[in-house]
PDB file of N, CA and C in Angstrom:
ATOM      1  N   MET A   1      -5.966  12.614  -8.478  1.00  0.00           N
ATOM      2  CA  MET A   1      -6.315  11.368  -9.326  1.00  0.00           C
ATOM      3  C   MET A   1      -6.399  10.650  -8.450  1.00  0.00           C
ATOM      4  N   ARG A   2      -7.516   9.564  -8.727  1.00  0.00           N
ATOM      5  CA  ARG A   2      -8.148   8.372  -7.929  1.00  0.00           C
ATOM      6  C   ARG A   2      -7.728   6.789  -8.448  1.00  0.00           C
ATOM      7  N   MET A   3      -6.736   6.769  -8.032  1.00  0.00           N
ATOM      8  CA  MET A   3      -6.251   5.109  -8.276  1.00  0.00           C
ATOM      9  C   MET A   3      -7.460   4.176  -8.303  1.00  0.00           C
ATOM     10  N   ALA A   4      -7.790   3.376  -9.118  1.00  0.00           N
ATOM     11  CA  ALA A   4      -8.517   2.202  -9.382  1.00  0.00           C
ATOM     12  C   ALA A   4      -7.747   1.218  -7.693  1.00  0.00           C
ATOM     13  N   SER A   5      -9.017   0.412  -7.501  1.00  0.00           N
ATOM     14  CA  SER A   5      -8.332  -0.163  -6.474  1.00  0.00           C
ATOM     15  C   SER A   5      -8.567  -1.780  -6.199  1.00  0.00           C
ATOM     16  N   ILE A   6      -8.547  -2.332  -5.937  1.00  0.00           N
ATOM     17  CA  ILE A   6      -8.780  -4.127  -5.774  1.00  0.00           C
ATOM     18  C   ILE A   6      -9.648  -4.357  -4.410  1.00  0.00           C
ATOM     19  N   ARG A   7     -10.121  -4.953  -3.908  1.00  0.00           N
ATOM     20  CA  ARG A   7     -10.684  -5.516  -2.874  1.00  0.00           C
ATOM     21  C   ARG A   7     -10.075  -6.849  -3.132  1.00  0.00           C
ATOM     22  N   THR A   8      -9.484  -6.579  -1.017  1.00  0.00           N
ATOM     23  CA  THR A   8      -9.030  -8.081  -1.251  1.00  0.00           C
ATOM     24  C   THR A   8      -9.345  -8.429   0.356  1.00  0.00           C
ATOM     25  N   THR A   9      -8.509  -9.858   0.794  1.00  0.00           N
ATOM     26  CA  THR A   9      -9.171 -10.092   1.650  1.00  0.00           C
ATOM     27  C   THR A   9      -7.399 -10.719   3.047  1.00  0.00           C
ATOM     28  N   PHE A  10      -7.704 -10.920   3.675  1.00  0.00           N
ATOM     29  CA  PHE A  10      -6.834 -11.279   5.063  1.00  0.00           C
ATOM     30  C   PHE A  10      -7.329 -11.236   6.239  1.00  0.00           C
ATOM     31  N   THR A  11      -5.633 -12.356   6.704  1.00  0.00           N
ATOM     32  CA  THR A  11      -6.593 -13.031   8.335  1.00  0.00           C
ATOM     33  C   THR A  11      -5.595 -11.904   9.161  1.00  0.00           C
ATOM     34  N   LEU A  12      -6.883 -11.880   9.913  1.00  0.00           N
ATOM     35  CA  LEU A  12      -5.789 -10.427  11.580  1.00  0.00           C
ATOM     36  C   LEU A  12      -6.402 -11.922  12.393  1.00  0.00           C
ATOM     37  N   ASP A  13      -5.824 -11.575  13.363  1.00  0.00           N
ATOM     38  CA  ASP A  13      -5.872 -12.521  14.801  1.00  0.00           C
ATOM     39  C   ASP A  13      -6.593 -11.724  15.277  1.00  0.00           C
ATOM     40  N   SER A  14      -7.386 -12.480  16.028  1.00  0.00           N
ATOM     41  CA  SER A  14      -8.126 -12.219  16.957  1.00  0.00           C
ATOM     42  C   SER A  14      -8.259 -11.083  18.287  1.00  0.00           C
ATOM     43  N   GLU A  15      -7.317 -11.032  18.374  1.00  0.00           N
ATOM     44  CA  GLU A  15      -7.356  -9.793  19.622  1.00  0.00           C
ATOM     45  C   GLU A  15      -6.654  -9.323  18.240  1.00  0.00           C
ATOM     46  N   LEU A  16      -6.114  -8.937  17.468  1.00  0.00           N
ATOM     47  CA  LEU A  16      -5.499  -7.789  17.902  1.00  0.00           C
ATOM     48  C   LEU A  16      -7.456  -7.350  17.084  1.00  0.00           C
ATOM     49  N   ALA A  17      -7.606  -8.316  16.312  1.00  0.00           N
ATOM     50  CA  ALA A  17      -8.585  -8.058  15.627  1.00  0.00           C
ATOM     51  C   ALA A  17      -9.279  -6.596  16.611  1.00  0.00           C
ATOM     52  N   GLU A  18      -9.673  -7.301  17.247  1.00  0.00           N
ATOM     53  CA  GLU A  18     -10.427  -6.707  18.903  1.00  0.00           C
ATOM     54  C   GLU A  18      -9.928  -5.526  19.539  1.00  0.00           C
ATOM     55  N   GLN A  19      -8.526  -5.191  19.498  1.00  0.00           N
ATOM     56  CA  GLN A  19      -8.344  -4.069  19.701  1.00  0.00           C
ATOM     57  C   GLN A  19      -8.899  -2.633  18.488  1.00  0.00           C
ATOM     58  N   ALA A  20      -7.711  -3.536  18.254  1.00  0.00           N
ATOM     59  CA  ALA A  20      -8.931  -2.819  16.921  1.00  0.00           C
ATOM     60  C   ALA A  20      -9.920  -2.224  16.924  1.00  0.00           C
ATOM     61  N   ARG A  21     -11.021  -2.745  16.893  1.00  0.00           N
ATOM     62  CA  ARG A  21     -12.006  -2.289  17.016  1.00  0.00           C
ATOM     63  C   ARG A  21     -12.827  -1.367  17.856  1.00  0.00           C
ATOM     64  N   ARG A  22     -12.031  -1.274  19.455  1.00  0.00           N
ATOM     65  CA  ARG A  22     -11.820  -0.691  20.403  1.00  0.00           C
ATOM     66  C   ARG A  22     -11.354   0.760  20.458  1.00  0.00           C
ATOM     67  N   LEU A  23      -9.766   0.564  19.699  1.00  0.00           N
ATOM     68  CA  LEU A  23      -9.926   1.713  19.799  1.00  0.00           C
ATOM     69  C   LEU A  23     -10.079   1.658  17.867  1.00  0.00           C
ATOM     70  N   ASN A  24     -10.972   2.092  17.529  1.00  0.00           N
ATOM     71  CA  ASN A  24     -11.077   2.473  15.969  1.00  0.00           C
ATOM     72  C   ASN A  24     -10.412   2.608  15.014  1.00  0.00           C
ATOM     73  N   VAL A  25     -10.046   1.543  14.816  1.00  0.00           N
ATOM     74  CA  VAL A  25      -7.993   1.833  13.459  1.00  0.00           C
ATOM     75  C   VAL A  25      -9.589   0.735  12.419  1.00  0.00           C
ATOM     76  N   ASN A  26      -9.303   2.038  11.333  1.00  0.00           N
ATOM     77  CA  ASN A  26      -9.308   2.088  10.448  1.00  0.00           C
ATOM     78  C   ASN A  26      -8.352   0.708  10.014  1.00  0.00           C
ATOM     79  N   VAL A  27      -9.036  -0.492  10.339  1.00  0.00           N
ATOM     80  CA  VAL A  27      -8.228  -1.792   9.070  1.00  0.00           C
ATOM     81  C   VAL A  27      -7.995  -1.660   7.785  1.00  0.00           C
ATOM     82  N   SER A  28      -9.022  -1.355   7.265  1.00  0.00           N
ATOM     83  CA  SER A  28      -8.736  -0.941   5.758  1.00  0.00           C
ATOM     84  C   SER A  28      -7.397  -0.121   5.260  1.00  0.00           C
ATOM     85  N   ALA A  29      -7.705   0.813   5.897  1.00  0.00           N
ATOM     86  CA  ALA A  29      -6.315   2.071   6.703  1.00  0.00           C
ATOM     87  C   ALA A  29      -4.971   1.438   6.072  1.00  0.00           C
ATOM     88  N   ALA A  30      -5.309   1.383   7.134  1.00  0.00           N
ATOM     89  CA  ALA A  30      -3.893   0.381   8.390  1.00  0.00           C
ATOM     90  C   ALA A  30      -3.555  -0.618   7.454  1.00  0.00           C
ATOM     91  N   ALA A  31      -3.801  -1.293   6.770  1.00  0.00           N
ATOM     92  CA  ALA A  31      -3.634  -2.652   6.039  1.00  0.00           C
ATOM     93  C   ALA A  31      -2.902  -2.041   4.548  1.00  0.00           C
ATOM     94  N   ARG A  32      -3.304  -0.517   4.235  1.00  0.00           N
ATOM     95  CA  ARG A  32      -3.227   0.139   3.250  1.00  0.00           C
ATOM     96  C   ARG A  32      -2.128   0.293   3.023  1.00  0.00           C
ATOM     97  N   ARG A  33      -1.392   1.365   4.756  1.00  0.00           N
ATOM     98  CA  ARG A  33      -0.114   1.455   5.334  1.00  0.00           C
ATOM     99  C   ARG A  33       0.530   0.290   4.953  1.00  0.00           C
ATOM    100  N   GLY A  34       0.347  -0.574   5.209  1.00  0.00           N
ATOM    101  CA  GLY A  34       1.382  -1.521   5.902  1.00  0.00           C
ATOM    102  C   GLY A  34       1.982  -2.303   4.824  1.00  0.00           C
ATOM    103  N   VAL A  35       0.443  -2.428   3.252  1.00  0.00           N
ATOM    104  CA  VAL A  35       1.000  -2.765   2.128  1.00  0.00           C
ATOM    105  C   VAL A  35       2.177  -1.405   1.156  1.00  0.00           C
ATOM    106  N   THR A  36       1.653  -0.818   1.470  1.00  0.00           N
ATOM    107  CA  THR A  36       2.332   0.503   0.537  1.00  0.00           C
ATOM    108  C   THR A  36       3.886   0.743   1.057  1.00  0.00           C
ATOM    109  N   ALA A  37       3.760  -0.101   2.623  1.00  0.00           N
ATOM    110  CA  ALA A  37       5.625   0.273   3.422  1.00  0.00           C
ATOM    111  C   ALA A  37       6.617  -1.079   2.670  1.00  0.00           C
ATOM    112  N   ALA A  38       5.832  -1.656   2.881  1.00  0.00           N
ATOM    113  CA  ALA A  38       6.368  -3.281   2.080  1.00  0.00           C
ATOM    114  C   ALA A  38       6.914  -3.125   0.817  1.00  0.00           C
ATOM    115  N   VAL A  39       6.618  -3.025   0.788  1.00  0.00           N
ATOM    116  CA  VAL A  39       6.012  -3.061  -1.559  1.00  0.00           C
ATOM    117  C   VAL A  39       7.555  -1.526  -1.087  1.00  0.00           C
ATOM    118  N   ARG A  40       7.453  -0.438  -0.618  1.00  0.00           N
ATOM    119  CA  ARG A  40       8.496   0.760  -0.478  1.00  0.00           C
ATOM    120  C   ARG A  40       9.899  -0.332  -0.841  1.00  0.00           C
ATOM    121  N   GLU A  41       9.787  -0.869   0.968  1.00  0.00           N
ATOM    122  CA  GLU A  41      10.901  -1.077   0.761  1.00  0.00           C
ATOM    123  C   GLU A  41      11.617  -2.632   0.620  1.00  0.00           C
ATOM    124  N   ALA A  42       9.812  -3.426  -0.173  1.00  0.00           N
ATOM    125  CA  ALA A  42      10.533  -3.919  -1.354  1.00  0.00           C
ATOM    126  C   ALA A  42      11.619  -3.731  -3.031  1.00  0.00           C
ATOM    127  N   LEU A  43      11.127  -2.842  -3.414  1.00  0.00           N
ATOM    128  CA  LEU A  43      11.541  -2.049  -4.414  1.00  0.00           C
ATOM    129  C   LEU A  43      13.138  -1.481  -3.689  1.00  0.00           C
ATOM    130  N   VAL A  44      12.988  -0.765  -2.560  1.00  0.00           N
ATOM    131  CA  VAL A  44      14.388  -0.983  -2.123  1.00  0.00           C
ATOM    132  C   VAL A  44      15.647  -1.328  -2.044  1.00  0.00           C
ATOM    133  N   GLU A  45      14.844  -2.901  -1.858  1.00  0.00           N
ATOM    134  CA  GLU A  45      16.230  -4.317  -1.701  1.00  0.00           C
ATOM    135  C   GLU A  45      16.482  -4.834  -3.321  1.00  0.00           C
ATOM    136  N   ALA A  46      15.406  -4.317  -3.961  1.00  0.00           N
ATOM    137  CA  ALA A  46      15.568  -4.672  -5.703  1.00  0.00           C
ATOM    138  C   ALA A  46      16.760  -4.007  -6.627  1.00  0.00           C
ATOM    139  N   ASP A  47      16.301  -3.174  -5.352  1.00  0.00           N
ATOM    140  CA  ASP A  47      17.384  -1.695  -6.705  1.00  0.00           C
ATOM    141  C   ASP A  47      18.315  -1.932  -5.981  1.00  0.00           C
ATOM    142  N   ARG A  48      18.935  -2.233  -4.718  1.00  0.00           N
ATOM    143  CA  ARG A  48      19.927  -1.890  -4.226  1.00  0.00           C
ATOM    144  C   ARG A  48      20.443  -3.535  -4.635  1.00  0.00           C
ATOM    145  N   THR A  49      20.659  -4.427  -4.786  1.00  0.00           N
ATOM    146  CA  THR A  49      20.251  -6.058  -5.410  1.00  0.00           C
ATOM    147  C   THR A  49      21.050  -5.977  -6.551  1.00  0.00           C
ATOM    148  N   ALA A  50      20.527  -4.969  -7.090  1.00  0.00           N
ATOM    149  CA  ALA A  50      20.731  -4.759  -9.145  1.00  0.00           C
ATOM    150  C   ALA A  50      21.797  -4.286  -8.712  1.00  0.00           C
ATOM    151  N   TYR A  51      21.892  -3.329  -8.055  1.00  0.00           N
ATOM    152  CA  TYR A  51      23.030  -2.061  -8.351  1.00  0.00           C
ATOM    153  C   TYR A  51      24.620  -3.216  -8.120  1.00  0.00           C
ATOM    154  N   GLU A  52      24.491  -4.086  -6.199  1.00  0.00           N
ATOM    155  CA  GLU A  52      25.435  -4.722  -5.868  1.00  0.00           C
ATOM    156  C   GLU A  52      26.100  -5.582  -7.879  1.00  0.00           C
ATOM    157  N   ARG A  53      24.934  -6.141  -7.735  1.00  0.00           N
ATOM    158  CA  ARG A  53      25.177  -7.109  -9.231  1.00  0.00           C
ATOM    159  C   ARG A  53      25.922  -6.101 -10.669  1.00  0.00           C
ATOM    160  N   MET A  54      25.472  -5.493 -10.688  1.00  0.00           N
ATOM    161  CA  MET A  54      26.769  -4.503 -11.219  1.00  0.00           C
ATOM    162  C   MET A  54      26.199  -3.330 -11.117  1.00  0.00           C
ATOM    163  N   PRO A  55      27.161  -2.905 -10.938  1.00  0.00           N
ATOM    164  CA  PRO A  55      27.881  -1.335  -9.925  1.00  0.00           C
ATOM    165  C   PRO A  55      28.187  -0.646 -11.196  1.00  0.00           C
ATOM    166  N   GLU A  56      27.770   1.500 -11.202  1.00  0.00           N
ATOM    167  CA  GLU A  56      28.101   2.184 -12.011  1.00  0.00           C
ATOM    168  C   GLU A  56      29.707   2.054 -11.986  1.00  0.00           C
ATOM    169  N   ARG A  57      30.057   2.067 -13.681  1.00  0.00           N
ATOM    170  CA  ARG A  57      31.353   1.890 -13.755  1.00  0.00           C
ATOM    171  C   ARG A  57      31.783   4.340 -14.476  1.00  0.00           C
ATOM    172  N   PRO A  58      33.014   4.261 -14.768  1.00  0.00           N
ATOM    173  CA  PRO A  58      32.953   5.452 -15.589  1.00  0.00           C
ATOM    174  C   PRO A  58      32.849   4.355 -16.278  1.00  0.00           C
ATOM    175  N   ASP A  59      32.699   6.498 -16.975  1.00  0.00           N
ATOM    176  CA  ASP A  59      32.021   5.812 -18.879  1.00  0.00           C
ATOM    177  C   ASP A  59      32.107   7.320 -19.513  1.00  0.00           C
ATOM    178  N   SER A  60      33.689   7.092 -20.630  1.00  0.00           N
ATOM    179  CA  SER A  60      34.650   8.511 -20.226  1.00  0.00           C
ATOM    180  C   SER A  60      33.268   8.597 -21.619  1.00  0.00           C
ATOM    181  N   PHE A  61      31.923   8.839 -21.869  1.00  0.00           N
ATOM    182  CA  PHE A  61      31.454   9.254 -23.137  1.00  0.00           C
ATOM    183  C   PHE A  61      30.688  10.951 -22.135  1.00  0.00           C
ATOM    184  N   TRP A  62      30.851  10.043 -20.732  1.00  0.00           N
ATOM    185  CA  TRP A  62      30.020  12.213 -20.213  1.00  0.00           C
ATOM    186  C   TRP A  62      30.927  12.331 -20.170  1.00  0.00           C
ATOM    187  N   ASP A  63      32.860  12.510 -19.947  1.00  0.00           N
ATOM    188  CA  ASP A  63      33.272  13.564 -20.183  1.00  0.00           C
ATOM    189  C   ASP A  63      33.237  14.698 -20.457  1.00  0.00           C
ATOM    190  N   GLY A  64      33.120  14.609 -21.664  1.00  0.00           N
ATOM    191  CA  GLY A  64      32.860  16.253 -22.341  1.00  0.00           C
ATOM    192  C   GLY A  64      31.238  16.236 -22.636  1.00  0.00           C
ATOM    193  N   ALA A  65      30.291  15.583 -21.317  1.00  0.00           N
ATOM    194  CA  ALA A  65      28.998  16.255 -21.786  1.00  0.00           C
ATOM    195  C   ALA A  65      29.449  17.778 -20.964  1.00  0.00           C
ATOM    196  N   GLU A  66      28.298  18.396 -20.976  1.00  0.00           N
ATOM    197  CA  GLU A  66      27.835  19.842 -20.208  1.00  0.00           C
ATOM    198  C   GLU A  66      26.848  20.393 -19.526  1.00  0.00           C
ATOM    199  N   ALA A  67      27.129  20.923 -17.688  1.00  0.00           N
ATOM    200  CA  ALA A  67      25.722  20.717 -16.735  1.00  0.00           C
ATOM    201  C   ALA A  67      25.013  22.147 -17.607  1.00  0.00           C
ATOM    202  N   TRP A  68      24.215  21.168 -17.027  1.00  0.00           N
ATOM    203  CA  TRP A  68      22.643  22.050 -17.313  1.00  0.00           C
ATOM    204  C   TRP A  68      22.691  22.450 -16.338  1.00  0.00           C
ATOM    205  N   GLY A  69      21.696  23.858 -16.515  1.00  0.00           N
ATOM    206  CA  GLY A  69      21.750  24.243 -14.939  1.00  0.00           C
ATOM    207  C   GLY A  69      22.770  25.242 -15.102  1.00  0.00           C
ATOM    208  N   GLU A  70      22.862  26.562 -13.435  1.00  0.00           N
ATOM    209  CA  GLU A  70      23.469  27.420 -12.535  1.00  0.00           C
ATOM    210  C   GLU A  70      24.261  25.904 -12.808  1.00  0.00           C
ATOM    211  N   GLU A  71      25.814  27.128 -13.003  1.00  0.00           N
ATOM    212  CA  GLU A  71      27.245  26.501 -11.845  1.00  0.00           C
ATOM    213  C   GLU A  71      27.724  27.420 -11.171  1.00  0.00           C
TER     214      GLU A  71
END
């Protein structure tokens, strides 16, 4: 399934842009990979911060729960 995309513009150092052109680097694909990695890192950090604010604690509700699947 193809996701909807949005066109965006960003500024790139001219020397880096020239190197990318010479090396046939697909700048759009490289930018997508970079933004994907940055978002993944930000989500991990947000999750870690949320856990530090409200860490899990033992909950007696689960004491009687049965395991699912093979034991």
